[in-house]
N, C-alpha and C. Protein backbone atom coordinates (compact mmCIF):
# COMPACT_ATOMS: atom_id res chain seq x y z
N MET A 1 -0.27 7.49 -2.32
CA MET A 1 -0.06 8.80 -2.52
C MET A 1 -0.56 9.71 -1.45
N THR A 2 0.30 10.58 -1.09
CA THR A 2 -0.25 11.51 0.12
C THR A 2 -0.67 12.82 -0.39
N SER A 3 -1.89 13.19 -0.07
CA SER A 3 -2.50 14.30 -0.41
C SER A 3 -1.96 15.45 0.57
N THR A 4 -1.80 16.73 0.15
CA THR A 4 -1.48 17.69 1.01
C THR A 4 -2.62 18.76 0.98
N ALA A 5 -3.21 18.86 2.27
CA ALA A 5 -4.25 19.70 2.36
C ALA A 5 -3.69 21.22 2.29
N PRO A 6 -4.70 21.98 1.52
CA PRO A 6 -4.24 23.50 1.37
C PRO A 6 -4.09 24.15 2.77
N ILE A 7 -3.12 25.16 2.75
CA ILE A 7 -2.81 25.85 3.90
C ILE A 7 -4.05 26.91 4.18
N PRO A 8 -4.61 26.86 5.09
CA PRO A 8 -5.87 27.92 5.33
C PRO A 8 -5.23 29.26 5.38
N ARG A 9 -5.88 30.18 4.67
CA ARG A 9 -5.72 31.44 4.80
C ARG A 9 -6.38 32.19 5.92
N PRO A 10 -5.96 33.19 6.56
CA PRO A 10 -6.59 33.93 7.66
C PRO A 10 -7.83 34.63 7.04
N ALA A 11 -8.88 34.81 7.69
CA ALA A 11 -10.01 35.55 7.43
C ALA A 11 -9.62 36.88 7.36
N PRO A 12 -10.23 37.77 6.46
CA PRO A 12 -10.00 39.20 6.51
C PRO A 12 -10.44 39.87 7.84
N LEU A 13 -9.83 40.63 8.38
CA LEU A 13 -10.16 41.43 9.49
C LEU A 13 -11.18 42.45 9.16
N ARG A 14 -12.45 42.28 9.88
CA ARG A 14 -13.48 43.19 9.73
C ARG A 14 -13.28 44.26 10.58
N VAL A 15 -13.21 45.47 9.77
CA VAL A 15 -12.90 46.87 10.29
C VAL A 15 -14.16 47.55 10.60
N VAL A 16 -14.64 47.58 11.85
CA VAL A 16 -15.90 48.38 12.23
C VAL A 16 -15.60 49.70 12.92
N PRO A 17 -15.63 50.84 12.31
CA PRO A 17 -15.38 52.13 13.13
C PRO A 17 -16.28 52.24 14.13
N PRO A 18 -15.76 52.88 15.28
CA PRO A 18 -16.55 53.21 16.48
C PRO A 18 -17.98 54.13 16.22
N SER A 19 -19.04 53.80 16.64
CA SER A 19 -20.16 54.44 16.20
C SER A 19 -20.04 55.82 16.85
N PRO A 20 -20.27 56.92 15.94
CA PRO A 20 -20.12 58.30 16.64
C PRO A 20 -21.42 58.72 17.31
N GLY A 21 -22.43 57.87 17.22
CA GLY A 21 -23.71 58.11 17.99
C GLY A 21 -24.40 59.23 17.37
N ILE A 22 -24.55 59.39 16.20
CA ILE A 22 -25.24 60.52 15.34
C ILE A 22 -26.69 60.35 15.81
N ASP A 23 -27.30 61.51 16.22
CA ASP A 23 -28.88 61.72 16.33
C ASP A 23 -29.24 62.67 15.30
N LEU A 24 -29.71 62.15 14.24
CA LEU A 24 -30.02 62.94 12.95
C LEU A 24 -31.23 63.94 13.34
N ALA A 25 -32.10 63.44 14.12
CA ALA A 25 -33.32 64.39 14.38
C ALA A 25 -32.71 65.51 15.19
N GLY A 26 -32.11 65.19 16.33
CA GLY A 26 -31.45 66.21 17.06
C GLY A 26 -30.53 67.05 16.40
N ALA A 27 -29.72 66.74 15.35
CA ALA A 27 -28.82 67.37 14.56
C ALA A 27 -29.72 68.56 13.80
N GLU A 28 -30.78 67.76 13.24
CA GLU A 28 -31.60 68.78 12.20
C GLU A 28 -32.20 69.91 13.16
N LEU A 29 -32.68 69.76 14.17
CA LEU A 29 -33.12 70.55 15.12
C LEU A 29 -32.21 71.82 15.60
N ALA A 30 -30.98 71.10 15.95
CA ALA A 30 -29.85 72.02 16.21
C ALA A 30 -29.33 72.90 14.93
N ALA A 31 -29.33 72.27 13.81
CA ALA A 31 -28.95 72.97 12.60
C ALA A 31 -29.83 74.12 12.41
N ALA A 32 -31.17 73.97 12.50
CA ALA A 32 -32.26 74.96 12.47
C ALA A 32 -31.95 76.09 13.32
N ALA A 33 -31.77 75.75 14.67
CA ALA A 33 -31.73 76.77 15.50
C ALA A 33 -30.04 77.59 15.20
N PHE A 34 -29.16 76.95 14.83
CA PHE A 34 -27.78 77.35 14.46
C PHE A 34 -28.04 78.55 13.22
N LEU A 35 -28.78 77.97 12.16
CA LEU A 35 -28.97 78.85 10.95
C LEU A 35 -29.69 80.02 11.36
N ALA A 36 -30.70 79.91 12.29
CA ALA A 36 -31.69 81.02 12.83
C ALA A 36 -30.77 81.96 13.57
N ALA A 37 -29.96 81.39 14.30
CA ALA A 37 -29.05 82.52 15.11
C ALA A 37 -28.18 83.32 14.23
N LEU A 38 -27.85 82.71 13.13
CA LEU A 38 -26.94 83.40 12.22
C LEU A 38 -27.66 84.37 11.08
N GLY A 39 -28.98 84.26 11.42
CA GLY A 39 -29.79 85.13 10.53
C GLY A 39 -30.23 84.75 9.11
N VAL A 40 -30.04 83.23 9.00
CA VAL A 40 -30.17 82.61 7.72
C VAL A 40 -31.64 82.03 7.53
N THR A 41 -32.33 82.55 6.67
CA THR A 41 -33.73 82.14 6.46
C THR A 41 -33.86 80.66 6.05
N THR A 42 -34.71 79.92 6.85
CA THR A 42 -35.11 78.67 6.39
C THR A 42 -36.66 78.33 6.25
N ASN A 43 -37.24 79.41 5.68
CA ASN A 43 -38.75 79.22 5.51
C ASN A 43 -39.11 79.43 4.05
N THR A 44 -38.32 79.32 3.24
CA THR A 44 -38.61 79.41 1.77
C THR A 44 -38.68 78.04 1.12
N ASP A 45 -39.19 77.89 -0.03
CA ASP A 45 -39.32 76.53 -0.79
C ASP A 45 -37.78 75.96 -0.86
N ALA A 46 -36.84 76.87 -1.08
CA ALA A 46 -35.46 76.35 -1.47
C ALA A 46 -34.78 76.05 -0.13
N THR A 47 -35.05 76.57 0.96
CA THR A 47 -34.24 76.43 2.22
C THR A 47 -35.05 75.72 3.30
N ALA A 48 -36.25 75.28 3.12
CA ALA A 48 -36.95 74.60 4.07
C ALA A 48 -36.22 73.29 4.58
N ALA A 49 -35.65 72.69 3.72
CA ALA A 49 -35.10 71.28 3.93
C ALA A 49 -33.56 71.51 4.15
N THR A 50 -33.11 72.86 4.35
CA THR A 50 -31.62 72.92 4.65
C THR A 50 -31.18 72.46 5.76
N PRO A 51 -31.86 72.48 7.03
CA PRO A 51 -31.50 71.98 8.32
C PRO A 51 -31.24 70.44 8.17
N ARG A 52 -32.17 69.85 7.44
CA ARG A 52 -32.18 68.30 7.39
C ARG A 52 -31.01 67.94 6.44
N ARG A 53 -30.66 68.64 5.38
CA ARG A 53 -29.69 68.32 4.52
C ARG A 53 -28.36 68.63 5.22
N MET A 54 -28.42 69.53 6.04
CA MET A 54 -26.96 69.99 6.70
C MET A 54 -26.76 68.96 7.76
N ALA A 55 -27.69 68.30 8.44
CA ALA A 55 -27.47 67.27 9.45
C ALA A 55 -27.00 66.01 8.78
N HIS A 56 -27.60 65.70 7.63
CA HIS A 56 -27.03 64.47 6.84
C HIS A 56 -25.78 64.69 6.13
N ALA A 57 -25.58 65.94 5.95
CA ALA A 57 -24.08 66.07 5.12
C ALA A 57 -23.15 65.91 6.21
N TYR A 58 -23.27 66.43 7.58
CA TYR A 58 -22.33 66.28 8.42
C TYR A 58 -22.19 64.85 9.02
N ALA A 59 -23.40 64.11 8.91
CA ALA A 59 -23.34 62.69 9.44
C ALA A 59 -22.44 61.98 8.30
N GLU A 60 -22.65 62.33 7.16
CA GLU A 60 -21.83 61.57 6.15
C GLU A 60 -20.38 61.96 6.25
N MET A 61 -20.05 63.14 6.50
CA MET A 61 -18.68 63.42 6.60
C MET A 61 -17.96 62.94 7.89
N LEU A 62 -18.69 62.67 8.82
CA LEU A 62 -18.20 62.28 10.20
C LEU A 62 -18.42 60.66 10.32
N GLY A 63 -18.90 60.00 9.29
CA GLY A 63 -19.13 58.63 9.41
C GLY A 63 -18.40 57.59 8.33
N PRO A 64 -17.11 57.19 8.94
CA PRO A 64 -16.40 56.29 7.85
C PRO A 64 -17.27 54.81 7.90
N ARG A 65 -17.01 54.20 6.80
CA ARG A 65 -17.71 52.88 6.44
C ARG A 65 -16.75 51.73 6.82
N SER A 66 -17.60 50.69 7.46
CA SER A 66 -16.82 49.38 7.60
C SER A 66 -16.28 48.79 6.24
N PHE A 67 -15.33 47.92 6.62
CA PHE A 67 -14.61 47.33 5.49
C PHE A 67 -13.89 45.97 5.92
N ASP A 68 -13.58 45.28 5.06
CA ASP A 68 -12.58 44.00 5.21
C ASP A 68 -11.25 44.24 5.00
N LEU A 69 -10.29 44.21 6.06
CA LEU A 69 -8.85 44.49 5.56
C LEU A 69 -8.33 43.05 5.04
N THR A 70 -8.05 43.06 3.87
CA THR A 70 -7.62 41.95 3.16
C THR A 70 -6.24 41.97 2.77
N THR A 71 -5.47 40.82 3.38
CA THR A 71 -3.92 40.78 3.21
C THR A 71 -3.56 39.50 2.49
N PHE A 72 -2.53 39.43 1.90
CA PHE A 72 -2.11 38.27 1.33
C PHE A 72 -0.79 37.84 1.74
N PRO A 73 -0.33 36.47 1.76
CA PRO A 73 1.00 36.08 2.09
C PRO A 73 2.04 36.64 1.01
N ASN A 74 3.12 37.14 1.43
CA ASN A 74 4.15 37.52 0.56
C ASN A 74 5.05 36.47 0.17
N ASP A 75 4.45 35.52 -0.60
CA ASP A 75 4.85 34.22 -1.04
C ASP A 75 6.15 34.32 -1.96
N GLU A 76 6.14 35.39 -2.70
CA GLU A 76 7.20 35.66 -3.74
C GLU A 76 8.21 36.66 -3.15
N ASP A 77 8.23 37.03 -1.88
CA ASP A 77 9.27 37.67 -1.26
C ASP A 77 9.38 39.13 -1.83
N HIS A 78 8.42 39.76 -2.23
CA HIS A 78 8.47 41.14 -2.76
C HIS A 78 9.21 41.97 -1.62
N ASN A 79 10.15 42.64 -1.98
CA ASN A 79 10.82 43.60 -1.24
C ASN A 79 11.09 45.17 -1.62
N GLU A 80 10.38 45.38 -2.82
CA GLU A 80 10.59 46.58 -3.31
C GLU A 80 9.30 47.54 -2.85
N LEU A 81 9.56 48.97 -2.97
CA LEU A 81 8.62 49.73 -2.52
C LEU A 81 7.14 49.64 -3.18
N VAL A 82 6.13 49.57 -2.44
CA VAL A 82 4.86 49.71 -2.99
C VAL A 82 4.10 50.97 -2.78
N LEU A 83 3.80 51.73 -3.81
CA LEU A 83 3.18 52.99 -3.47
C LEU A 83 1.87 53.30 -4.18
N ALA A 84 0.96 53.82 -3.22
CA ALA A 84 -0.36 54.32 -3.87
C ALA A 84 -0.52 55.85 -3.39
N SER A 85 -0.64 56.43 -4.52
CA SER A 85 -0.54 57.87 -4.47
C SER A 85 -1.84 58.54 -5.03
N GLY A 86 -2.10 59.69 -4.68
CA GLY A 86 -3.44 60.40 -5.00
C GLY A 86 -4.66 59.76 -4.43
N ILE A 87 -4.63 59.25 -3.22
CA ILE A 87 -5.76 58.64 -2.35
C ILE A 87 -6.60 59.93 -1.91
N PRO A 88 -7.85 60.10 -2.32
CA PRO A 88 -8.60 61.13 -1.87
C PRO A 88 -8.71 61.19 -0.29
N VAL A 89 -8.56 62.59 0.15
CA VAL A 89 -8.77 62.79 1.74
C VAL A 89 -9.89 63.81 1.90
N GLN A 90 -10.92 63.50 2.58
CA GLN A 90 -11.98 64.19 2.87
C GLN A 90 -12.20 64.36 4.61
N SER A 91 -11.94 65.49 5.04
CA SER A 91 -11.96 65.26 6.53
C SER A 91 -12.68 66.70 6.99
N VAL A 92 -12.70 66.85 8.34
CA VAL A 92 -13.41 68.08 8.79
C VAL A 92 -12.34 68.63 10.01
N CYS A 93 -11.93 69.83 9.94
CA CYS A 93 -11.14 70.41 10.94
C CYS A 93 -11.86 70.51 12.30
N GLU A 94 -11.26 70.04 13.23
CA GLU A 94 -11.85 69.87 14.45
C GLU A 94 -11.98 71.35 15.18
N HIS A 95 -11.34 72.39 14.77
CA HIS A 95 -11.25 73.67 15.28
C HIS A 95 -12.53 74.43 14.77
N HIS A 96 -12.80 74.38 13.49
CA HIS A 96 -13.86 75.12 12.96
C HIS A 96 -14.94 74.35 12.31
N MET A 97 -14.83 72.98 12.15
CA MET A 97 -15.75 72.08 11.75
C MET A 97 -16.05 72.43 10.20
N LEU A 98 -15.03 72.81 9.51
CA LEU A 98 -15.07 73.02 8.08
C LEU A 98 -14.19 72.03 7.41
N PRO A 99 -14.50 71.64 6.32
CA PRO A 99 -13.77 70.56 5.58
C PRO A 99 -12.42 71.03 5.08
N PHE A 100 -11.42 69.90 5.23
CA PHE A 100 -10.21 70.08 4.50
C PHE A 100 -10.12 68.84 3.65
N LEU A 101 -9.73 69.17 2.29
CA LEU A 101 -9.72 68.25 1.11
C LEU A 101 -8.26 68.15 0.58
N GLY A 102 -7.81 66.93 0.21
CA GLY A 102 -6.57 66.75 -0.47
C GLY A 102 -6.35 65.41 -0.96
N THR A 103 -4.99 64.89 -0.70
CA THR A 103 -4.64 63.58 -1.34
C THR A 103 -3.66 63.01 -0.28
N ALA A 104 -3.87 61.63 -0.23
CA ALA A 104 -2.65 60.83 0.74
C ALA A 104 -1.75 60.07 -0.27
N HIS A 105 -0.73 60.10 0.08
CA HIS A 105 0.29 58.91 -0.60
C HIS A 105 0.87 58.08 0.33
N ILE A 106 0.80 56.86 0.17
CA ILE A 106 1.02 55.90 1.12
C ILE A 106 2.02 54.79 0.40
N GLY A 107 3.28 54.48 1.10
CA GLY A 107 4.22 53.48 0.49
C GLY A 107 4.61 52.62 1.61
N TYR A 108 5.00 51.23 1.20
CA TYR A 108 5.38 50.50 2.11
C TYR A 108 6.23 49.47 1.66
N LEU A 109 7.26 48.85 2.45
CA LEU A 109 8.11 47.91 1.95
C LEU A 109 7.65 46.56 2.70
N PRO A 110 7.20 45.65 1.84
CA PRO A 110 6.40 44.45 2.32
C PRO A 110 7.24 43.67 3.32
N GLY A 111 6.47 43.16 4.39
CA GLY A 111 7.18 42.12 5.25
C GLY A 111 6.53 40.82 4.91
N GLN A 112 6.00 40.12 5.89
CA GLN A 112 5.55 39.03 5.55
C GLN A 112 4.12 38.80 4.80
N ARG A 113 3.50 39.94 4.85
CA ARG A 113 2.13 40.12 4.15
C ARG A 113 2.12 41.24 3.27
N ILE A 114 1.33 41.19 2.18
CA ILE A 114 0.93 42.43 1.32
C ILE A 114 -0.44 42.64 1.23
N LEU A 115 -0.86 44.00 1.14
CA LEU A 115 -2.24 44.52 1.16
C LEU A 115 -2.98 44.64 0.03
N GLY A 116 -4.27 44.26 -0.08
CA GLY A 116 -5.08 44.51 -1.14
C GLY A 116 -5.03 46.23 -1.23
N LEU A 117 -4.65 46.69 -2.45
CA LEU A 117 -4.40 48.19 -2.55
C LEU A 117 -5.68 49.09 -2.32
N SER A 118 -6.70 48.55 -2.66
CA SER A 118 -8.01 49.58 -2.31
C SER A 118 -8.02 49.71 -0.95
N LYS A 119 -7.53 48.76 0.09
CA LYS A 119 -7.68 48.94 1.48
C LYS A 119 -7.00 50.21 1.91
N LEU A 120 -5.91 50.69 1.28
CA LEU A 120 -5.21 51.84 1.66
C LEU A 120 -6.15 53.08 1.75
N ALA A 121 -7.07 53.07 0.64
CA ALA A 121 -8.03 54.18 0.64
C ALA A 121 -9.07 54.07 1.73
N ARG A 122 -9.43 52.79 2.11
CA ARG A 122 -10.31 52.62 3.32
C ARG A 122 -9.73 52.97 4.55
N VAL A 123 -8.51 52.75 4.80
CA VAL A 123 -7.83 53.21 5.98
C VAL A 123 -7.79 54.63 6.10
N VAL A 124 -7.45 55.32 4.97
CA VAL A 124 -7.42 56.74 4.92
C VAL A 124 -8.88 57.24 5.34
N GLU A 125 -10.07 56.66 4.81
CA GLU A 125 -11.35 57.07 5.30
C GLU A 125 -11.53 56.73 6.81
N LEU A 126 -11.19 55.81 7.19
CA LEU A 126 -11.28 55.34 8.48
C LEU A 126 -10.95 56.41 9.59
N PHE A 127 -9.87 57.22 9.29
CA PHE A 127 -9.32 58.12 10.27
C PHE A 127 -9.72 59.43 9.76
N ALA A 128 -9.99 59.66 8.40
CA ALA A 128 -10.34 61.05 7.96
C ALA A 128 -11.75 61.60 8.43
N ARG A 129 -12.81 60.59 8.40
CA ARG A 129 -14.11 60.89 8.43
C ARG A 129 -14.41 60.98 9.96
N ARG A 130 -13.79 62.00 10.45
CA ARG A 130 -14.13 62.45 12.07
C ARG A 130 -13.42 63.79 12.17
N PRO A 131 -13.81 64.44 13.19
CA PRO A 131 -13.08 65.84 13.45
C PRO A 131 -11.66 65.54 13.58
N GLN A 132 -10.65 66.28 12.85
CA GLN A 132 -9.31 65.97 12.86
C GLN A 132 -8.35 67.30 12.76
N VAL A 133 -7.23 66.88 12.98
CA VAL A 133 -6.11 67.85 12.53
C VAL A 133 -5.31 67.02 11.71
N GLN A 134 -4.59 67.59 10.86
CA GLN A 134 -4.04 67.03 9.66
C GLN A 134 -2.71 66.10 10.07
N GLU A 135 -1.93 66.79 11.17
CA GLU A 135 -0.88 66.05 11.78
C GLU A 135 -1.32 64.74 12.46
N ARG A 136 -2.44 64.71 13.25
CA ARG A 136 -2.87 63.54 13.92
C ARG A 136 -3.20 62.46 12.71
N LEU A 137 -4.03 62.87 11.75
CA LEU A 137 -4.62 62.13 10.81
C LEU A 137 -3.47 61.28 10.14
N THR A 138 -2.34 62.03 9.74
CA THR A 138 -1.34 61.39 8.98
C THR A 138 -0.57 60.50 9.97
N ALA A 139 -0.49 60.57 11.30
CA ALA A 139 0.13 59.64 12.20
C ALA A 139 -0.60 58.36 12.33
N GLN A 140 -2.14 58.64 12.57
CA GLN A 140 -2.96 57.66 12.74
C GLN A 140 -2.92 56.49 11.64
N ILE A 141 -2.91 57.12 10.47
CA ILE A 141 -2.98 56.12 9.34
C ILE A 141 -1.80 55.19 9.30
N ALA A 142 -0.50 55.93 9.58
CA ALA A 142 0.72 55.27 9.56
C ALA A 142 0.87 54.27 10.73
N ASP A 143 0.19 54.56 11.99
CA ASP A 143 0.27 53.78 13.04
C ASP A 143 -0.62 52.45 12.88
N TRP A 144 -1.71 52.76 12.30
CA TRP A 144 -2.70 51.58 12.21
C TRP A 144 -2.08 50.71 11.06
N LEU A 145 -1.66 51.11 9.99
CA LEU A 145 -0.89 50.23 9.06
C LEU A 145 0.17 49.48 9.59
N GLN A 146 1.14 50.07 10.40
CA GLN A 146 2.30 49.60 10.79
C GLN A 146 1.65 48.41 11.81
N THR A 147 0.77 48.57 12.62
CA THR A 147 0.36 47.54 13.52
C THR A 147 -0.28 46.44 12.65
N HIS A 148 -1.12 46.66 11.87
CA HIS A 148 -1.79 45.41 11.19
C HIS A 148 -1.28 44.81 10.04
N LEU A 149 -0.27 45.58 9.37
CA LEU A 149 0.39 45.00 8.15
C LEU A 149 1.82 44.67 8.68
N GLN A 150 2.43 45.32 9.53
CA GLN A 150 3.73 44.99 9.98
C GLN A 150 4.78 44.99 8.81
N PRO A 151 4.86 46.22 7.81
CA PRO A 151 5.88 46.21 6.88
C PRO A 151 7.11 46.45 7.42
N ARG A 152 8.12 46.33 6.55
CA ARG A 152 9.62 46.46 7.05
C ARG A 152 9.77 48.24 6.96
N GLY A 153 8.95 48.71 6.32
CA GLY A 153 9.08 50.31 6.19
C GLY A 153 7.74 50.81 5.81
N LEU A 154 7.38 52.00 6.20
CA LEU A 154 6.05 52.66 5.78
C LEU A 154 6.23 54.20 5.88
N GLY A 155 5.63 54.86 4.78
CA GLY A 155 5.51 56.20 4.66
C GLY A 155 4.06 56.75 4.35
N VAL A 156 3.76 57.83 5.00
CA VAL A 156 2.60 58.45 4.70
C VAL A 156 2.75 59.80 4.64
N VAL A 157 2.23 60.42 3.51
CA VAL A 157 2.30 61.88 3.02
C VAL A 157 0.95 62.46 2.74
N VAL A 158 0.40 63.49 3.45
CA VAL A 158 -0.88 63.92 3.27
C VAL A 158 -0.68 65.48 2.83
N GLU A 159 -1.46 65.79 1.72
CA GLU A 159 -1.39 67.18 1.23
C GLU A 159 -2.85 67.69 1.15
N ALA A 160 -3.14 68.75 1.63
CA ALA A 160 -4.66 69.19 1.90
C ALA A 160 -4.72 70.68 1.96
N GLU A 161 -5.77 71.10 1.45
CA GLU A 161 -6.20 72.49 1.58
C GLU A 161 -7.46 72.47 2.52
N HIS A 162 -7.30 73.55 3.63
CA HIS A 162 -8.07 73.76 4.67
C HIS A 162 -8.92 74.65 4.48
N LEU A 163 -10.24 74.53 4.34
CA LEU A 163 -11.20 75.59 4.10
C LEU A 163 -11.26 76.72 5.20
N CYS A 164 -11.03 76.20 6.46
CA CYS A 164 -10.88 77.17 7.48
C CYS A 164 -9.95 78.07 7.45
N MET A 165 -8.88 77.93 6.47
CA MET A 165 -7.80 78.93 6.08
C MET A 165 -8.11 79.64 4.93
N THR A 166 -8.76 79.15 3.87
CA THR A 166 -9.01 79.78 2.49
C THR A 166 -10.27 80.48 2.66
N LEU A 167 -11.27 80.06 3.35
CA LEU A 167 -12.74 80.86 3.42
C LEU A 167 -12.78 81.80 4.30
N ARG A 168 -11.91 81.91 5.60
CA ARG A 168 -12.16 82.72 6.62
C ARG A 168 -10.61 83.16 7.12
N GLY A 169 -10.72 84.04 8.06
CA GLY A 169 -9.50 84.35 8.63
C GLY A 169 -8.44 84.97 7.64
N VAL A 170 -7.29 84.36 7.32
CA VAL A 170 -6.22 84.97 6.41
C VAL A 170 -6.78 84.77 5.12
N ARG A 171 -7.80 83.93 4.90
CA ARG A 171 -8.32 83.77 3.52
C ARG A 171 -7.14 83.57 2.40
N ALA A 172 -6.38 82.55 2.62
CA ALA A 172 -5.23 82.45 1.70
C ALA A 172 -5.57 81.22 0.84
N GLY A 173 -6.39 81.59 -0.30
CA GLY A 173 -6.85 80.60 -1.00
C GLY A 173 -5.73 79.87 -1.86
N GLY A 174 -6.03 78.57 -1.98
CA GLY A 174 -4.93 77.59 -2.74
C GLY A 174 -3.66 77.31 -1.86
N THR A 175 -3.71 77.64 -0.51
CA THR A 175 -2.69 77.18 0.36
C THR A 175 -2.84 75.85 0.52
N THR A 176 -1.73 74.93 0.51
CA THR A 176 -1.66 73.44 0.67
C THR A 176 -0.72 73.21 1.85
N THR A 177 -1.19 72.32 2.89
CA THR A 177 -0.39 72.02 3.91
C THR A 177 0.00 70.46 3.66
N THR A 178 1.31 70.20 4.04
CA THR A 178 1.73 68.84 3.78
C THR A 178 2.45 68.25 4.96
N THR A 179 1.98 67.08 5.45
CA THR A 179 2.30 66.27 6.59
C THR A 179 2.98 65.04 6.19
N SER A 180 3.86 64.67 7.05
CA SER A 180 4.37 63.25 6.73
C SER A 180 4.76 62.54 7.94
N THR A 181 4.72 61.16 7.86
CA THR A 181 5.16 60.09 8.96
C THR A 181 5.79 59.07 8.32
N LEU A 182 6.99 58.80 8.91
CA LEU A 182 7.75 57.67 8.29
C LEU A 182 8.04 56.66 9.48
N ARG A 183 8.00 55.28 9.11
CA ARG A 183 8.38 54.31 9.91
C ARG A 183 9.30 53.29 9.35
N GLY A 184 9.96 52.65 10.32
CA GLY A 184 10.83 51.40 9.88
C GLY A 184 11.96 52.03 8.89
N ALA A 185 12.14 51.16 7.89
CA ALA A 185 13.27 51.40 6.84
C ALA A 185 13.09 52.74 6.03
N LEU A 186 11.89 53.34 5.90
CA LEU A 186 11.57 54.39 5.19
C LEU A 186 11.96 55.62 6.21
N ARG A 187 12.21 55.48 7.38
CA ARG A 187 12.68 56.39 8.21
C ARG A 187 14.10 56.22 8.41
N GLU A 188 14.74 55.03 8.66
CA GLU A 188 15.91 54.92 9.00
C GLU A 188 17.06 54.79 7.86
N ASP A 189 16.64 54.19 6.66
CA ASP A 189 17.39 54.03 5.48
C ASP A 189 17.35 55.27 4.60
N VAL A 190 18.48 55.91 4.35
CA VAL A 190 18.40 57.16 3.66
C VAL A 190 17.98 56.74 2.23
N ARG A 191 18.59 55.84 1.54
CA ARG A 191 18.10 55.49 0.14
C ARG A 191 16.59 55.07 0.06
N SER A 192 16.12 54.22 0.97
CA SER A 192 14.76 53.89 0.99
C SER A 192 13.82 55.17 1.23
N ARG A 193 14.14 56.02 2.02
CA ARG A 193 13.37 57.24 2.26
C ARG A 193 13.42 58.16 1.04
N GLY A 194 14.63 58.31 0.54
CA GLY A 194 14.85 59.12 -0.50
C GLY A 194 13.95 58.64 -1.74
N GLU A 195 13.89 57.34 -2.03
CA GLU A 195 13.15 56.77 -3.17
C GLU A 195 11.70 57.08 -2.90
N PHE A 196 11.16 56.90 -1.55
CA PHE A 196 9.81 57.04 -1.28
C PHE A 196 9.37 58.69 -1.58
N LEU A 197 10.12 59.55 -1.03
CA LEU A 197 9.98 61.00 -1.32
C LEU A 197 9.91 61.41 -2.62
N ALA A 198 11.09 60.95 -3.28
CA ALA A 198 11.04 61.28 -4.75
C ALA A 198 10.02 60.94 -5.65
N LEU A 199 9.34 59.76 -5.25
CA LEU A 199 8.15 59.22 -6.08
C LEU A 199 6.87 60.06 -5.71
N VAL A 200 6.78 60.44 -4.63
CA VAL A 200 5.61 61.14 -4.04
C VAL A 200 5.71 62.67 -4.68
N THR A 201 7.00 63.25 -4.56
CA THR A 201 7.06 64.52 -5.12
C THR A 201 6.99 64.76 -6.61
N SER A 202 7.15 63.58 -7.09
CA SER A 202 7.14 63.59 -8.82
C SER A 202 5.69 63.67 -9.14
N ARG A 203 4.78 63.17 -8.43
CA ARG A 203 3.46 63.22 -8.66
C ARG A 203 2.63 64.53 -8.18
């Protein structure tokens, strides 16, 4: 009797974001000087640690975490749309260094491999936790997934509120900006594109 050895599965891809080179001590000193220049007092019990907290807060907002990109063979030949909606987006506008917050919706038509769904949120964080503009963020998520997953079709929609628009300048509170990027069949096939966009807008 001949035994069949199991087919080895590829190891997950370890995704390690490039180090932003954060100097927390230097950031704290700079935050203290920045606040002093704006006339903000930092010598009370409540505000003495504000420069340190500010430095740590920005370090967290600008530091994506490493993760393992886990994919699985599409052994059952799934060919219908897979959609993950309402993925939190937390980023920082590179023009004013103020946060923008919202949600991402990612859909794909599987190719030879399917993706562990939690990894979609990890990919969003990978590109969101850095100084950004929303248009670039949307395209970077799509390009990265297209390269590493190679689906037959891919769509990314990001909806976000930019605090640089709601708290300053025009002060248009509640304004939402929507950006989208489509690849493969979700761009070229009218029916597939319509299904994806209809599911996104229904949420």
